[in-house]
Amino acid sequence: MKRFLFTVHAVFALVGIANTMLGPLLPLLAQRWQLTDRQSGTLFFAQFFGGFAGAIISTRLAKYFSLHNITRAGLWLIAAGVLGLATPSHLLAIVGITMVGFGLGLTNPSITAAVAEAFPTRRASLLNLLNFAWALGAITAPMLILAALRHSHIQVSGMLLIYAVILGLSAFTIPRIPASSFSQEMNQEKLPAGILRIVIACGALLFLYVGIEVGISGWLPTFATRLHAFSLQRAALLQDTFWTTFLLGRLFAPAFLKVTGERVLLTLSICTATAGTVALLLLHLPIVLFASVAMIGLGCAAVFPTAIALLSQRLSGYSGSTLGFMFASAGLGAAILPFSIGSLSSATHNLRIGMSLLLVAEIGLVIAHLVMSRLSSGAAQFDPARQRAIATGGAQ
């Protein structure tokens, strides 16, 4: 089991790189192909719509294939997509980005479910550590691209080639973690209407949150280079500021939860991210820009795992297909909001106006959080074993 934990954390860090590398690559790709903001936004749409489709399909594949085989397939798809992105062809790059997204849609929920299933008594703490490993990978992506730019004999295409090879080889290191029969049975059960409403509210929250996270991290380098005349190196440093504070926030969230509840942490996180976004859009000094990005990173850090934790409390360990749909909702948000930012920017010829959609989404995030909290406080905890017993006449 120690080997399994080490392996999945290392692989999830590699997956984190794939999740976030499009943002720091975007200024280079836009310059290479003379893309408008709308066309640049299409790249985000391609990646994260692929992620949405992959997550939906992963919920079906989990009924027939082991989690480690689904993870392997996802890693190989990501590696193949990165190779397409390394080519000078615009069409192959779009196909590659879509493949990366589809592979992420298979890999993210499968690895998460594997950890939750292998360690049911330590699920919360280990999933926090797993997301910490993902954030380590996310913060590495801008640094890798910056390092490639500094070494003319490697270049970005060479770095992507090396990364693709490492990803492909890492697929062979995933040990087999068989799905339990209990979890497979639960995948077939229907959720009660009250719990289903909580799942829908949580899905809406994750749709908005991941759209905000990707919108910020993805458009930040372009925002900094265009509106603040940052160099690519300084823009990469700004994005690293976001991921560094994101990493720190996720690292210290468990300690914060010891003195307060999940709902309080979620509320504070959303408010902090919103305040940082307001400062990012309205203020212009470079030092303020770095401070506002740091606030957004801290605010975003705990939202995803905390929302999943609140949902898990109500589902009493019922994950199965539900987890896949949560990732699908998140992937759809990541596809739509960054694309909408680019579209609005092209329509108004103003990226600042396009980025203002982040504030609209954050208002929606507050509403989704309030709805989810109200439903959670009034709903009884779902007990799959009891539901099955009732259905078979074994309990009254």
Protein backbone atom coordinates (compact mmCIF):
# COMPACT_ATOMS: atom_id res chain seq x y z
CA MET A 1 0.00 0.00 0.00
CA LYS A 2 2.92 2.37 0.61
CA ARG A 3 4.05 1.80 -2.97
CA PHE A 4 0.53 2.54 -4.18
CA LEU A 5 0.36 5.81 -2.23
CA PHE A 6 3.77 6.95 -3.44
CA THR A 7 2.92 6.06 -7.04
CA VAL A 8 -0.48 7.74 -7.21
CA HIS A 9 0.84 10.91 -5.58
CA ALA A 10 3.71 11.09 -8.07
CA VAL A 11 1.37 10.40 -10.99
CA PHE A 12 -1.17 12.94 -9.75
CA ALA A 13 1.58 15.56 -9.67
CA LEU A 14 2.26 14.78 -13.36
CA VAL A 15 -1.48 15.06 -14.00
CA GLY A 16 -1.47 18.49 -12.31
CA ILE A 17 1.08 19.67 -14.89
CA ALA A 18 -1.19 18.56 -17.74
CA ASN A 19 -4.18 20.28 -16.14
CA THR A 20 -2.54 23.71 -16.06
CA MET A 21 0.11 23.86 -18.79
CA LEU A 22 -2.21 25.40 -21.40
CA GLY A 23 -2.32 28.73 -19.52
CA PRO A 24 1.42 29.51 -19.61
CA LEU A 25 1.61 28.11 -23.17
CA LEU A 26 -1.23 30.31 -24.39
CA PRO A 27 0.76 33.51 -25.16
CA LEU A 28 3.24 31.44 -27.21
CA LEU A 29 0.50 29.58 -29.08
CA ALA A 30 -1.46 32.78 -29.74
CA GLN A 31 1.67 34.41 -31.15
CA ARG A 32 2.57 31.38 -33.29
CA TRP A 33 -0.86 31.11 -34.92
CA GLN A 34 -1.98 34.76 -34.63
CA LEU A 35 -5.01 33.82 -32.53
CA THR A 36 -7.69 36.22 -31.34
CA ASP A 37 -8.89 35.94 -27.74
CA ARG A 38 -11.96 34.08 -28.94
CA GLN A 39 -9.78 31.58 -30.79
CA SER A 40 -7.51 31.25 -27.76
CA GLY A 41 -10.57 30.57 -25.62
CA THR A 42 -11.45 27.73 -28.01
CA LEU A 43 -8.29 25.93 -26.85
CA PHE A 44 -9.57 25.94 -23.26
CA PHE A 45 -12.95 24.76 -24.50
CA ALA A 46 -11.35 21.88 -26.41
CA GLN A 47 -9.33 20.70 -23.39
CA PHE A 48 -12.02 20.90 -20.80
CA PHE A 49 -14.90 19.72 -22.96
CA GLY A 50 -12.69 16.69 -23.56
CA GLY A 51 -12.36 16.44 -19.78
CA PHE A 52 -16.14 16.59 -19.40
CA ALA A 53 -16.62 13.78 -21.91
CA GLY A 54 -13.87 11.70 -20.33
CA ALA A 55 -15.33 12.04 -16.84
CA ILE A 56 -18.80 11.02 -18.06
CA ILE A 57 -17.38 7.97 -19.82
CA SER A 58 -15.27 7.06 -16.78
CA THR A 59 -18.48 6.51 -14.79
CA ARG A 60 -19.49 3.83 -17.30
CA LEU A 61 -16.04 2.28 -17.66
CA ALA A 62 -15.76 1.86 -13.88
CA LYS A 63 -18.57 -0.73 -14.05
CA TYR A 64 -16.57 -2.95 -16.41
CA PHE A 65 -12.87 -2.19 -15.95
CA SER A 66 -10.53 -1.83 -13.00
CA LEU A 67 -9.55 1.66 -11.89
CA HIS A 68 -5.88 1.12 -12.63
CA ASN A 69 -6.65 0.19 -16.25
CA ILE A 70 -8.81 3.29 -16.70
CA THR A 71 -6.01 5.39 -15.20
CA ARG A 72 -3.47 3.85 -17.58
CA ALA A 73 -5.65 4.59 -20.59
CA GLY A 74 -6.07 8.17 -19.39
CA LEU A 75 -2.32 8.68 -18.95
CA TRP A 76 -1.60 7.33 -22.43
CA LEU A 77 -4.21 9.64 -23.94
CA ILE A 78 -2.68 12.62 -22.12
CA ALA A 79 0.79 11.66 -23.39
CA ALA A 80 -0.48 11.34 -26.98
CA GLY A 81 -2.24 14.68 -26.70
CA VAL A 82 0.90 16.41 -25.42
CA LEU A 83 2.78 15.08 -28.47
CA GLY A 84 0.13 16.68 -30.70
CA LEU A 85 0.51 19.94 -28.82
CA ALA A 86 4.27 19.85 -29.44
CA THR A 87 3.80 19.92 -33.23
CA PRO A 88 3.66 23.19 -35.22
CA SER A 89 0.29 22.22 -36.71
CA HIS A 90 -2.68 24.19 -35.39
CA LEU A 91 -5.11 21.36 -36.19
CA LEU A 92 -2.97 18.68 -34.53
CA ALA A 93 -2.54 20.90 -31.49
CA ILE A 94 -6.32 21.28 -31.09
CA VAL A 95 -6.78 17.52 -31.44
CA GLY A 96 -3.96 17.03 -28.94
CA ILE A 97 -5.48 19.44 -26.43
CA THR A 98 -8.80 17.62 -26.70
CA MET A 99 -7.04 14.29 -26.11
CA VAL A 100 -5.28 15.74 -23.06
CA GLY A 101 -8.65 16.79 -21.68
CA PHE A 102 -10.25 13.42 -22.37
CA GLY A 103 -7.35 11.65 -20.68
CA LEU A 104 -7.65 13.93 -17.66
CA GLY A 105 -11.37 13.14 -17.52
CA LEU A 106 -10.52 9.44 -17.20
CA THR A 107 -7.56 9.84 -14.86
CA ASN A 108 -8.69 12.39 -12.27
CA PRO A 109 -11.81 10.59 -10.95
CA SER A 110 -10.20 7.16 -11.28
CA ILE A 111 -7.17 8.02 -9.14
CA THR A 112 -9.36 9.84 -6.62
CA ALA A 113 -11.76 6.89 -6.39
CA ALA A 114 -8.86 4.44 -6.08
CA VAL A 115 -7.43 6.28 -3.06
CA ALA A 116 -10.84 6.66 -1.43
CA GLU A 117 -11.60 2.99 -1.98
CA ALA A 118 -8.22 1.64 -0.85
CA PHE A 119 -8.22 3.65 2.41
CA PRO A 120 -11.84 4.18 3.50
CA THR A 121 -10.91 4.99 7.12
CA ARG A 122 -8.35 7.64 6.07
CA ARG A 123 -10.20 8.96 3.06
CA ALA A 124 -10.39 12.65 4.02
CA SER A 125 -6.76 13.15 5.00
CA LEU A 126 -5.36 11.17 2.07
CA LEU A 127 -7.53 12.96 -0.48
CA ASN A 128 -6.24 16.27 0.89
CA LEU A 129 -2.68 15.03 0.41
CA LEU A 130 -3.57 13.79 -3.07
CA ASN A 131 -4.87 17.23 -4.03
CA PHE A 132 -1.73 18.75 -2.53
CA ALA A 133 0.34 16.58 -4.91
CA TRP A 134 -1.84 17.78 -7.81
CA ALA A 135 -1.16 21.39 -6.81
CA LEU A 136 2.59 20.67 -6.75
CA GLY A 137 2.29 19.62 -10.37
CA ALA A 138 0.18 22.63 -11.24
CA ILE A 139 2.78 25.03 -9.88
CA THR A 140 5.50 23.20 -11.83
CA ALA A 141 3.94 23.77 -15.26
CA PRO A 142 4.89 27.49 -15.66
CA MET A 143 8.37 26.75 -14.32
CA LEU A 144 8.93 23.98 -16.87
CA ILE A 145 7.89 26.23 -19.74
CA LEU A 146 10.05 29.07 -18.43
CA ALA A 147 13.04 26.71 -18.14
CA ALA A 148 12.46 25.49 -21.70
CA LEU A 149 12.41 29.07 -22.99
CA ARG A 150 15.78 29.70 -21.33
CA HIS A 151 17.42 26.67 -22.96
CA SER A 152 17.50 27.11 -26.71
CA HIS A 153 18.67 23.53 -27.29
CA ILE A 154 15.52 22.13 -25.65
CA GLN A 155 12.77 24.60 -26.56
CA VAL A 156 9.16 24.18 -25.49
CA SER A 157 8.48 21.43 -28.04
CA GLY A 158 11.40 19.41 -26.65
CA MET A 159 10.13 19.85 -23.10
CA LEU A 160 6.67 18.66 -24.14
CA LEU A 161 8.19 15.61 -25.83
CA ILE A 162 10.12 14.67 -22.67
CA TYR A 163 7.02 15.19 -20.54
CA ALA A 164 4.92 12.99 -22.85
CA VAL A 165 7.45 10.16 -22.60
CA ILE A 166 7.50 10.38 -18.79
CA LEU A 167 3.69 10.32 -18.70
CA GLY A 168 3.51 7.30 -20.97
CA LEU A 169 6.01 5.37 -18.87
CA SER A 170 4.30 6.35 -15.61
CA ALA A 171 1.18 4.47 -16.72
CA PHE A 172 3.04 1.19 -16.19
CA THR A 173 3.72 2.02 -12.53
CA ILE A 174 0.08 2.11 -11.39
CA PRO A 175 -0.54 -0.96 -9.20
CA ARG A 176 -3.84 -2.82 -9.39
CA ILE A 177 -6.46 -1.72 -6.85
CA PRO A 178 -9.57 -3.88 -7.36
CA ALA A 179 -12.99 -2.33 -6.87
CA SER A 180 -14.96 -3.76 -4.00
CA SER A 181 -18.23 -5.55 -4.73
CA PHE A 182 -19.99 -3.25 -2.27
CA SER A 183 -18.91 -0.19 -4.21
CA GLN A 184 -20.00 -1.80 -7.48
CA GLU A 185 -23.43 -2.52 -6.01
CA MET A 186 -23.75 1.06 -4.85
CA ASN A 187 -23.07 2.26 -8.38
CA GLN A 188 -26.38 0.70 -9.41
CA GLU A 189 -28.49 2.29 -6.67
CA LYS A 190 -30.67 5.33 -6.99
CA LEU A 191 -30.15 8.31 -4.73
CA PRO A 192 -33.11 9.63 -2.74
CA ALA A 193 -34.58 12.87 -4.12
CA GLY A 194 -33.34 14.98 -1.19
CA ILE A 195 -29.77 13.73 -1.56
CA LEU A 196 -29.98 14.10 -5.34
CA ARG A 197 -30.73 17.82 -4.90
CA ILE A 198 -27.58 18.18 -2.79
CA VAL A 199 -25.59 16.40 -5.51
CA ILE A 200 -26.99 18.81 -8.12
CA ALA A 201 -26.17 21.84 -5.95
CA CYS A 202 -22.65 20.53 -5.39
CA GLY A 203 -22.30 19.93 -9.13
CA ALA A 204 -23.31 23.55 -9.82
CA LEU A 205 -20.81 24.79 -7.22
CA LEU A 206 -17.98 22.75 -8.76
CA PHE A 207 -19.01 23.85 -12.27
CA LEU A 208 -18.57 27.48 -11.25
CA TYR A 209 -15.53 26.98 -9.05
CA VAL A 210 -13.40 25.07 -11.56
CA GLY A 211 -14.42 27.51 -14.28
CA ILE A 212 -13.12 30.31 -12.05
CA GLU A 213 -9.89 28.47 -11.20
CA VAL A 214 -9.11 27.71 -14.84
CA GLY A 215 -10.26 31.16 -15.97
CA ILE A 216 -7.86 32.82 -13.52
CA SER A 217 -4.87 30.55 -14.04
CA GLY A 218 -5.40 30.20 -17.78
CA TRP A 219 -5.89 33.85 -18.72
CA LEU A 220 -3.56 35.35 -16.10
CA PRO A 221 -0.37 35.24 -18.24
CA THR A 222 -2.17 36.91 -21.16
CA PHE A 223 -3.79 39.45 -18.81
CA ALA A 224 -0.40 40.35 -17.31
CA THR A 225 1.50 40.60 -20.61
CA ARG A 226 -1.18 42.61 -22.39
CA LEU A 227 -2.58 44.94 -19.73
CA HIS A 228 0.48 45.29 -17.49
CA ALA A 229 3.25 44.89 -20.08
CA PHE A 230 4.81 41.98 -18.18
CA SER A 231 7.45 39.87 -19.90
CA LEU A 232 6.69 36.18 -20.34
CA GLN A 233 9.08 35.43 -17.48
CA ARG A 234 7.37 37.87 -15.14
CA ALA A 235 3.95 36.61 -16.20
CA ALA A 236 5.08 33.08 -15.36
CA LEU A 237 6.19 34.35 -11.93
CA LEU A 238 2.74 35.88 -11.43
CA GLN A 239 1.08 32.59 -12.29
CA ASP A 240 3.45 30.82 -9.92
CA THR A 241 2.28 33.23 -7.22
CA PHE A 242 -1.25 31.99 -7.78
CA TRP A 243 -0.24 28.33 -7.58
CA THR A 244 2.11 28.85 -4.63
CA THR A 245 -0.59 30.43 -2.48
CA PHE A 246 -3.04 27.83 -3.78
CA LEU A 247 -0.62 25.16 -2.63
CA LEU A 248 -0.16 26.77 0.80
CA GLY A 249 -3.90 27.19 1.24
CA ARG A 250 -4.51 23.54 0.47
CA LEU A 251 -1.65 22.50 2.78
CA PHE A 252 -2.99 24.44 5.79
CA ALA A 253 -6.71 23.79 5.19
CA PRO A 254 -6.74 20.62 7.37
CA ALA A 255 -5.27 22.59 10.31
CA PHE A 256 -7.87 25.31 9.80
CA LEU A 257 -10.63 22.71 9.83
CA LYS A 258 -9.59 21.69 13.34
CA VAL A 259 -10.80 25.04 14.69
CA THR A 260 -13.78 25.63 12.39
CA GLY A 261 -16.24 23.74 10.20
CA GLU A 262 -16.28 22.96 6.50
CA ARG A 263 -19.03 25.46 5.75
CA VAL A 264 -17.17 28.31 7.46
CA LEU A 265 -14.00 27.46 5.55
CA LEU A 266 -15.92 27.32 2.28
CA THR A 267 -17.53 30.70 2.95
CA LEU A 268 -14.23 32.37 3.85
CA SER A 269 -12.55 30.82 0.81
CA ILE A 270 -15.16 32.11 -1.63
CA CYS A 271 -15.12 35.61 -0.08
CA THR A 272 -11.32 35.78 -0.20
CA ALA A 273 -11.21 34.73 -3.86
CA THR A 274 -13.90 37.29 -4.75
CA ALA A 275 -12.05 40.13 -2.98
CA GLY A 276 -8.86 39.18 -4.80
CA THR A 277 -10.67 39.20 -8.16
CA VAL A 278 -12.07 42.68 -7.51
CA ALA A 279 -8.56 43.94 -6.73
CA LEU A 280 -7.13 42.20 -9.81
CA LEU A 281 -9.62 43.92 -12.12
CA LEU A 282 -9.69 47.39 -10.56
CA LEU A 283 -6.15 48.08 -9.34
CA HIS A 284 -3.05 48.55 -11.49
CA LEU A 285 0.14 48.63 -9.40
CA PRO A 286 2.32 45.53 -9.95
CA ILE A 287 2.67 44.88 -6.20
CA VAL A 288 -1.11 45.02 -5.85
CA LEU A 289 -1.44 42.67 -8.81
CA PHE A 290 0.75 40.09 -7.08
CA ALA A 291 -1.13 40.55 -3.79
CA SER A 292 -4.54 40.16 -5.45
CA VAL A 293 -3.42 37.00 -7.26
CA ALA A 294 -2.14 35.64 -3.93
CA MET A 295 -5.57 36.27 -2.39
CA ILE A 296 -7.30 34.48 -5.24
CA GLY A 297 -4.96 31.50 -4.86
CA LEU A 298 -5.60 31.27 -1.12
CA GLY A 299 -9.34 31.59 -1.64
CA CYS A 300 -9.51 28.94 -4.36
CA ALA A 301 -7.34 26.41 -2.52
CA ALA A 302 -9.87 24.75 -0.23
CA VAL A 303 -13.08 25.08 -2.27
CA PHE A 304 -12.93 21.83 -4.27
CA PRO A 305 -11.86 19.37 -1.52
CA THR A 306 -14.13 21.03 1.05
CA ALA A 307 -17.17 20.83 -1.23
CA ILE A 308 -16.41 17.17 -1.95
CA ALA A 309 -16.04 16.54 1.80
CA LEU A 310 -19.43 18.12 2.52
CA LEU A 311 -21.02 15.99 -0.20
CA SER A 312 -19.30 12.83 1.05
CA GLN A 313 -20.70 13.37 4.54
CA ARG A 314 -24.22 13.20 3.12
CA LEU A 315 -23.49 10.26 0.84
CA SER A 316 -21.83 8.21 3.60
CA GLY A 317 -19.08 6.86 1.33
CA TYR A 318 -21.29 6.47 -1.74
CA SER A 319 -19.03 7.60 -4.59
CA GLY A 320 -19.18 5.34 -7.68
CA SER A 321 -20.75 7.18 -10.57
CA THR A 322 -21.47 10.27 -8.46
CA LEU A 323 -17.79 11.17 -8.27
CA GLY A 324 -17.45 10.91 -12.03
CA PHE A 325 -20.39 13.26 -12.55
CA MET A 326 -18.86 15.77 -10.13
CA PHE A 327 -15.66 15.78 -12.19
CA ALA A 328 -17.73 16.04 -15.36
CA SER A 329 -19.53 19.09 -14.01
CA ALA A 330 -16.19 20.60 -13.05
CA GLY A 331 -14.79 19.88 -16.51
CA LEU A 332 -17.79 21.50 -18.18
CA GLY A 333 -17.28 24.66 -16.12
CA ALA A 334 -13.61 24.69 -17.07
CA ALA A 335 -14.62 24.44 -20.74
CA ILE A 336 -17.29 27.13 -20.74
CA LEU A 337 -16.07 29.98 -18.52
CA PRO A 338 -12.54 30.45 -19.98
CA PHE A 339 -14.02 30.24 -23.50
CA SER A 340 -16.66 32.84 -22.53
CA ILE A 341 -13.92 35.14 -21.19
CA GLY A 342 -12.13 34.97 -24.54
CA SER A 343 -15.36 35.51 -26.48
CA LEU A 344 -16.37 38.55 -24.42
CA SER A 345 -12.85 39.95 -24.68
CA SER A 346 -12.91 39.65 -28.48
CA ALA A 347 -16.38 41.18 -28.69
CA THR A 348 -15.44 44.20 -26.52
CA HIS A 349 -11.73 44.34 -27.47
CA ASN A 350 -11.03 44.47 -23.75
CA LEU A 351 -9.66 41.50 -21.80
CA ARG A 352 -10.44 43.23 -18.50
CA ILE A 353 -14.14 43.19 -19.40
CA GLY A 354 -13.83 39.55 -20.39
CA MET A 355 -12.23 38.71 -17.05
CA SER A 356 -15.14 40.42 -15.27
CA LEU A 357 -17.13 37.24 -15.94
CA LEU A 358 -15.13 35.79 -13.05
CA LEU A 359 -17.00 38.08 -10.66
CA VAL A 360 -20.33 36.96 -12.09
CA ALA A 361 -19.31 33.35 -11.57
CA GLU A 362 -18.19 34.07 -8.00
CA ILE A 363 -21.59 35.53 -7.20
CA GLY A 364 -23.11 32.33 -8.55
CA LEU A 365 -20.65 30.39 -6.40
CA VAL A 366 -21.96 32.11 -3.28
CA ILE A 367 -25.55 31.26 -4.25
CA ALA A 368 -24.69 27.60 -4.95
CA HIS A 369 -22.89 27.38 -1.60
CA LEU A 370 -25.91 28.80 0.26
CA VAL A 371 -28.29 26.40 -1.51
CA MET A 372 -26.05 23.42 -0.81
CA SER A 373 -25.67 24.39 2.85
CA ARG A 374 -29.43 24.78 3.31
CA LEU A 375 -30.14 21.44 1.66
CA SER A 376 -27.39 19.70 3.63
CA SER A 377 -28.63 21.00 6.97
CA GLY A 378 -32.14 19.71 6.27
CA ALA A 379 -31.32 16.34 4.71
CA ALA A 380 -30.79 13.06 6.45
CA GLN A 381 -27.56 11.22 5.80
CA PHE A 382 -27.81 8.65 3.02
CA ASP A 383 -27.15 5.08 4.16
CA PRO A 384 -26.68 2.83 1.10
CA ALA A 385 -26.87 -0.39 3.12
CA ARG A 386 -30.19 0.63 4.66
CA GLN A 387 -31.56 1.69 1.28
CA ARG A 388 -30.64 -1.70 -0.16
CA ALA A 389 -32.20 -3.52 2.77
CA ILE A 390 -35.42 -1.55 2.42
CA ALA A 391 -35.55 -2.28 -1.28
CA THR A 392 -35.21 -6.02 -0.68
CA GLY A 393 -37.69 -6.07 2.23
CA GLY A 394 -35.01 -6.64 4.85
CA ALA A 395 -35.77 -3.46 6.87
CA GLN A 396 -38.92 -1.59 7.75
